[in-house]
Amino acid sequence: MKRMILCFALLSLIALGASAKEPELIAVKFHADWCGSCKAMGPVVDELRNKLDGKPVLFVELDRTNQTSSNEAILLAGALGLSKLYEENAGTGFILLVDSESKKPVARFTKAQSTKEIGKEILARLQ
């Protein structure tokens, strides 16, 4: 339910052209509830969100747990201009860091990287 509210809020902002800060990077987590790597990365994403609060980074989760969540993920990816990226990355358990202008991935993270390493990489890309 929280995801649906978040998606609705994001789509509303996009549709209304709200004068919000534009993200420079989009951190896209490819997720599924049954994925062990996804579970391991959950706290990492939460910590990164807190550490990077106020920075122009949008954290998005594309959930492939089941058909319903996959359909919602396809719609969200489309709304963000990330449809091609979604189609090209069929798995789960990783985060793609995407340049918000070009919509091209600039880094890929897995549970092998620490929160510190991922945060450092994101901050380096913002400068």
C-alpha atoms as a PDB file:
ATOM      1  CA  MET A   1       0.000   0.000   0.000  1.00  0.00           C
ATOM      2  CA  LYS A   2       2.848   2.388   0.828  1.00  0.00           C
ATOM      3  CA  ARG A   3       4.360   1.722  -2.592  1.00  0.00           C
ATOM      4  CA  MET A   4       1.092   2.524  -4.326  1.00  0.00           C
ATOM      5  CA  ILE A   5       0.834   5.802  -2.417  1.00  0.00           C
ATOM      6  CA  LEU A   6       4.443   6.650  -3.254  1.00  0.00           C
ATOM      7  CA  CYS A   7       3.881   5.816  -6.926  1.00  0.00           C
ATOM      8  CA  PHE A   8       0.713   7.900  -7.007  1.00  0.00           C
ATOM      9  CA  ALA A   9       2.469  10.844  -5.364  1.00  0.00           C
ATOM     10  CA  LEU A  10       5.384  10.604  -7.796  1.00  0.00           C
ATOM     11  CA  LEU A  11       3.099  10.375 -10.809  1.00  0.00           C
ATOM     12  CA  SER A  12       1.051  13.312  -9.502  1.00  0.00           C
ATOM     13  CA  LEU A  13       4.183  15.440  -9.192  1.00  0.00           C
ATOM     14  CA  ILE A  14       5.232  14.502 -12.705  1.00  0.00           C
ATOM     15  CA  ALA A  15       1.783  15.183 -14.135  1.00  0.00           C
ATOM     16  CA  LEU A  16       1.388  18.523 -12.367  1.00  0.00           C
ATOM     17  CA  GLY A  17       4.889  19.670 -13.220  1.00  0.00           C
ATOM     18  CA  ALA A  18       5.474  20.498  -9.574  1.00  0.00           C
ATOM     19  CA  SER A  19       8.407  22.752  -8.885  1.00  0.00           C
ATOM     20  CA  ALA A  20      10.358  20.137  -7.009  1.00  0.00           C
ATOM     21  CA  LYS A  21      14.094  19.629  -7.073  1.00  0.00           C
ATOM     22  CA  GLU A  22      15.040  17.525 -10.088  1.00  0.00           C
ATOM     23  CA  PRO A  23      17.059  14.374  -9.389  1.00  0.00           C
ATOM     24  CA  GLU A  24      20.495  14.062 -10.950  1.00  0.00           C
ATOM     25  CA  LEU A  25      20.619  10.336 -10.267  1.00  0.00           C
ATOM     26  CA  ILE A  26      18.035   7.608  -9.883  1.00  0.00           C
ATOM     27  CA  ALA A  27      18.936   4.609  -7.721  1.00  0.00           C
ATOM     28  CA  VAL A  28      16.777   1.791  -9.070  1.00  0.00           C
ATOM     29  CA  LYS A  29      16.499  -1.302  -6.883  1.00  0.00           C
ATOM     30  CA  PHE A  30      15.353  -4.386  -8.782  1.00  0.00           C
ATOM     31  CA  HIS A  31      13.499  -6.247  -6.053  1.00  0.00           C
ATOM     32  CA  ALA A  32      11.481  -9.371  -5.289  1.00  0.00           C
ATOM     33  CA  ASP A  33      10.280 -10.477  -1.854  1.00  0.00           C
ATOM     34  CA  TRP A  34      11.599 -14.011  -2.415  1.00  0.00           C
ATOM     35  CA  CYS A  35      15.124 -12.789  -3.358  1.00  0.00           C
ATOM     36  CA  GLY A  36      17.777 -13.287  -0.657  1.00  0.00           C
ATOM     37  CA  SER A  37      20.046 -10.605  -2.117  1.00  0.00           C
ATOM     38  CA  CYS A  38      17.119  -8.167  -2.120  1.00  0.00           C
ATOM     39  CA  LYS A  39      16.495  -8.843   1.559  1.00  0.00           C
ATOM     40  CA  ALA A  40      20.179  -8.260   2.315  1.00  0.00           C
ATOM     41  CA  MET A  41      20.146  -4.969   0.395  1.00  0.00           C
ATOM     42  CA  GLY A  42      17.012  -3.608   2.090  1.00  0.00           C
ATOM     43  CA  PRO A  43      18.835  -2.102   5.096  1.00  0.00           C
ATOM     44  CA  VAL A  44      21.550  -0.757   2.780  1.00  0.00           C
ATOM     45  CA  VAL A  45      18.982   1.160   0.729  1.00  0.00           C
ATOM     46  CA  ASP A  46      17.287   2.478   3.878  1.00  0.00           C
ATOM     47  CA  GLU A  47      20.609   3.713   5.252  1.00  0.00           C
ATOM     48  CA  LEU A  48      21.567   5.314   1.934  1.00  0.00           C
ATOM     49  CA  ARG A  49      18.216   7.121   1.781  1.00  0.00           C
ATOM     50  CA  ASN A  50      18.889   8.583   5.214  1.00  0.00           C
ATOM     51  CA  LYS A  51      22.534   9.473   4.509  1.00  0.00           C
ATOM     52  CA  LEU A  52      21.719  11.104   1.173  1.00  0.00           C
ATOM     53  CA  ASP A  53      18.599  12.932   2.332  1.00  0.00           C
ATOM     54  CA  GLY A  54      18.489  16.319   0.637  1.00  0.00           C
ATOM     55  CA  LYS A  55      20.789  15.217  -2.195  1.00  0.00           C
ATOM     56  CA  PRO A  56      19.366  15.052  -5.741  1.00  0.00           C
ATOM     57  CA  VAL A  57      19.022  11.255  -5.727  1.00  0.00           C
ATOM     58  CA  LEU A  58      15.687   9.524  -6.273  1.00  0.00           C
ATOM     59  CA  PHE A  59      15.406   6.012  -4.824  1.00  0.00           C
ATOM     60  CA  VAL A  60      12.987   3.770  -6.710  1.00  0.00           C
ATOM     61  CA  GLU A  61      12.100   0.116  -6.217  1.00  0.00           C
ATOM     62  CA  LEU A  62      10.908  -1.927  -9.181  1.00  0.00           C
ATOM     63  CA  ASP A  63       9.270  -4.959  -7.605  1.00  0.00           C
ATOM     64  CA  ARG A  64       9.152  -8.266  -9.493  1.00  0.00           C
ATOM     65  CA  THR A  65       7.693 -10.345  -6.669  1.00  0.00           C
ATOM     66  CA  ASN A  66       4.558 -11.331  -8.600  1.00  0.00           C
ATOM     67  CA  GLN A  67       2.560 -10.415 -11.694  1.00  0.00           C
ATOM     68  CA  THR A  68       0.739  -7.532  -9.999  1.00  0.00           C
ATOM     69  CA  SER A  69       3.883  -5.918  -8.617  1.00  0.00           C
ATOM     70  CA  SER A  70       5.666  -6.489 -11.938  1.00  0.00           C
ATOM     71  CA  ASN A  71       2.857  -4.727 -13.805  1.00  0.00           C
ATOM     72  CA  GLU A  72       3.101  -1.784 -11.397  1.00  0.00           C
ATOM     73  CA  ALA A  73       6.883  -1.744 -11.837  1.00  0.00           C
ATOM     74  CA  ILE A  74       6.464  -1.569 -15.620  1.00  0.00           C
ATOM     75  CA  LEU A  75       4.139   1.433 -15.233  1.00  0.00           C
ATOM     76  CA  LEU A  76       6.492   3.176 -12.808  1.00  0.00           C
ATOM     77  CA  ALA A  77       9.483   2.531 -15.065  1.00  0.00           C
ATOM     78  CA  GLY A  78       7.527   3.988 -17.975  1.00  0.00           C
ATOM     79  CA  ALA A  79       6.542   7.092 -15.989  1.00  0.00           C
ATOM     80  CA  LEU A  80      10.210   7.676 -15.166  1.00  0.00           C
ATOM     81  CA  GLY A  81      11.389   7.062 -18.724  1.00  0.00           C
ATOM     82  CA  LEU A  82      13.108   3.836 -17.674  1.00  0.00           C
ATOM     83  CA  SER A  83      11.123   1.280 -19.713  1.00  0.00           C
ATOM     84  CA  LYS A  84      14.125   0.194 -21.786  1.00  0.00           C
ATOM     85  CA  LEU A  85      16.248  -0.122 -18.656  1.00  0.00           C
ATOM     86  CA  TYR A  86      13.559  -2.290 -17.025  1.00  0.00           C
ATOM     87  CA  GLU A  87      13.358  -4.568 -20.070  1.00  0.00           C
ATOM     88  CA  GLU A  88      17.145  -4.932 -20.328  1.00  0.00           C
ATOM     89  CA  ASN A  89      17.614  -5.913 -16.670  1.00  0.00           C
ATOM     90  CA  ALA A  90      15.534  -8.990 -16.012  1.00  0.00           C
ATOM     91  CA  GLY A  91      16.931 -10.056 -12.649  1.00  0.00           C
ATOM     92  CA  THR A  92      16.615  -8.944  -9.038  1.00  0.00           C
ATOM     93  CA  GLY A  93      18.969  -8.292  -6.155  1.00  0.00           C
ATOM     94  CA  PHE A  94      20.844  -5.294  -7.484  1.00  0.00           C
ATOM     95  CA  ILE A  95      20.703  -1.518  -7.727  1.00  0.00           C
ATOM     96  CA  LEU A  96      21.374   0.404 -10.908  1.00  0.00           C
ATOM     97  CA  LEU A  97      22.476   3.986 -10.535  1.00  0.00           C
ATOM     98  CA  VAL A  98      21.022   5.865 -13.489  1.00  0.00           C
ATOM     99  CA  ASP A  99      21.810   9.314 -14.864  1.00  0.00           C
ATOM    100  CA  SER A 100      18.413  11.014 -14.775  1.00  0.00           C
ATOM    101  CA  GLU A 101      19.028  12.988 -17.966  1.00  0.00           C
ATOM    102  CA  SER A 102      20.354  10.274 -20.275  1.00  0.00           C
ATOM    103  CA  LYS A 103      18.504   7.421 -18.525  1.00  0.00           C
ATOM    104  CA  LYS A 104      21.701   5.373 -18.855  1.00  0.00           C
ATOM    105  CA  PRO A 105      23.134   3.305 -16.002  1.00  0.00           C
ATOM    106  CA  VAL A 106      26.369   4.679 -14.569  1.00  0.00           C
ATOM    107  CA  ALA A 107      26.971   2.046 -11.859  1.00  0.00           C
ATOM    108  CA  ARG A 108      25.637  -1.300 -10.656  1.00  0.00           C
ATOM    109  CA  PHE A 109      25.642  -2.377  -7.012  1.00  0.00           C
ATOM    110  CA  THR A 110      25.057  -5.743  -5.374  1.00  0.00           C
ATOM    111  CA  LYS A 111      25.181  -7.025  -1.826  1.00  0.00           C
ATOM    112  CA  ALA A 112      28.946  -7.395  -2.331  1.00  0.00           C
ATOM    113  CA  GLN A 113      29.392  -3.628  -1.888  1.00  0.00           C
ATOM    114  CA  SER A 114      29.099  -2.014   1.523  1.00  0.00           C
ATOM    115  CA  THR A 115      26.795   0.895   2.268  1.00  0.00           C
ATOM    116  CA  LYS A 116      29.890   3.082   2.584  1.00  0.00           C
ATOM    117  CA  GLU A 117      31.198   2.044  -0.853  1.00  0.00           C
ATOM    118  CA  ILE A 118      27.850   2.633  -2.535  1.00  0.00           C
ATOM    119  CA  GLY A 119      27.369   5.987  -0.807  1.00  0.00           C
ATOM    120  CA  LYS A 120      30.860   7.099  -1.800  1.00  0.00           C
ATOM    121  CA  GLU A 121      30.197   6.167  -5.450  1.00  0.00           C
ATOM    122  CA  ILE A 122      26.887   8.044  -5.491  1.00  0.00           C
ATOM    123  CA  LEU A 123      28.400  11.163  -3.918  1.00  0.00           C
ATOM    124  CA  ALA A 124      31.286  11.087  -6.404  1.00  0.00           C
ATOM    125  CA  ARG A 125      28.818  11.053  -9.291  1.00  0.00           C
ATOM    126  CA  LEU A 126      27.008  14.097  -7.894  1.00  0.00           C
ATOM    127  CA  GLN A 127      30.106  16.298  -8.037  1.00  0.00           C
END
